[in-house]
C-alpha atoms as a PDB file:
ATOM      1  CA  MET A   1      13.694 -31.376   1.416  1.00  0.00           C
ATOM      2  CA  GLU A   2      15.204 -28.520   3.129  1.00  0.00           C
ATOM      3  CA  ASN A   3      13.185 -28.219   6.516  1.00  0.00           C
ATOM      4  CA  LEU A   4      13.129 -31.859   8.085  1.00  0.00           C
ATOM      5  CA  LEU A   5      10.968 -31.384  10.979  1.00  0.00           C
ATOM      6  CA  PRO A   6       9.126 -34.445  12.147  1.00  0.00           C
ATOM      7  CA  ASN A   7       5.743 -33.448  11.031  1.00  0.00           C
ATOM      8  CA  ASN A   8       7.413 -32.497   7.544  1.00  0.00           C
ATOM      9  CA  ILE A   9       8.722 -35.577   6.796  1.00  0.00           C
ATOM     10  CA  LEU A  10       5.070 -37.113   7.423  1.00  0.00           C
ATOM     11  CA  GLN A  11       4.116 -35.012   4.676  1.00  0.00           C
ATOM     12  CA  LEU A  12       6.392 -36.261   2.035  1.00  0.00           C
ATOM     13  CA  SER A  13       5.409 -38.533  -0.275  1.00  0.00           C
ATOM     14  CA  ILE A  14       6.664 -42.494  -0.010  1.00  0.00           C
ATOM     15  CA  SER A  15       8.880 -42.099  -2.565  1.00  0.00           C
ATOM     16  CA  GLU A  16      10.413 -38.994  -1.111  1.00  0.00           C
ATOM     17  CA  ILE A  17      10.595 -40.730   2.053  1.00  0.00           C
ATOM     18  CA  ILE A  18      12.567 -43.669   0.384  1.00  0.00           C
ATOM     19  CA  GLN A  19      14.965 -41.307  -1.019  1.00  0.00           C
ATOM     20  CA  LEU A  20      15.517 -39.772   2.417  1.00  0.00           C
ATOM     21  CA  VAL A  21      16.291 -42.893   3.996  1.00  0.00           C
ATOM     22  CA  GLN A  22      18.617 -43.790   1.304  1.00  0.00           C
ATOM     23  CA  ASP A  23      20.344 -40.982   1.450  1.00  0.00           C
ATOM     24  CA  ILE A  24      20.387 -41.277   5.412  1.00  0.00           C
ATOM     25  CA  TRP A  25      22.025 -44.553   4.549  1.00  0.00           C
ATOM     26  CA  ASP A  26      24.652 -43.560   2.253  1.00  0.00           C
ATOM     27  CA  THR A  27      25.777 -41.152   4.879  1.00  0.00           C
ATOM     28  CA  ILE A  28      26.121 -43.506   7.530  1.00  0.00           C
ATOM     29  CA  ALA A  29      27.922 -46.035   5.152  1.00  0.00           C
ATOM     30  CA  ILE A  30      30.311 -43.170   4.196  1.00  0.00           C
ATOM     31  CA  SER A  31      30.946 -42.482   7.987  1.00  0.00           C
ATOM     32  CA  SER A  32      31.114 -45.814   8.777  1.00  0.00           C
ATOM     33  CA  GLU A  33      34.453 -46.375   9.421  1.00  0.00           C
ATOM     34  CA  GLU A  34      34.184 -43.602  12.148  1.00  0.00           C
ATOM     35  CA  VAL A  35      31.764 -45.994  14.323  1.00  0.00           C
ATOM     36  CA  THR A  36      33.218 -48.508  16.538  1.00  0.00           C
ATOM     37  CA  ILE A  37      31.290 -51.881  17.775  1.00  0.00           C
ATOM     38  CA  ASN A  38      32.463 -53.771  20.594  1.00  0.00           C
ATOM     39  CA  ASP A  39      32.523 -57.923  20.380  1.00  0.00           C
ATOM     40  CA  SER A  40      28.913 -58.350  21.930  1.00  0.00           C
ATOM     41  CA  GLN A  41      27.531 -56.004  19.297  1.00  0.00           C
ATOM     42  CA  LYS A  42      29.249 -58.003  16.230  1.00  0.00           C
ATOM     43  CA  GLN A  43      27.417 -61.499  17.364  1.00  0.00           C
END
């Protein structure tokens, strides 16, 4: 998964896309402390 341009992503298998999404989610979870949300977003 070196070159992740939109057209290349569409050529991945379903399992590869799921793994990519999991990797992205893990990255977001690790850096979630850097993200601030306001009160209306919390609701």
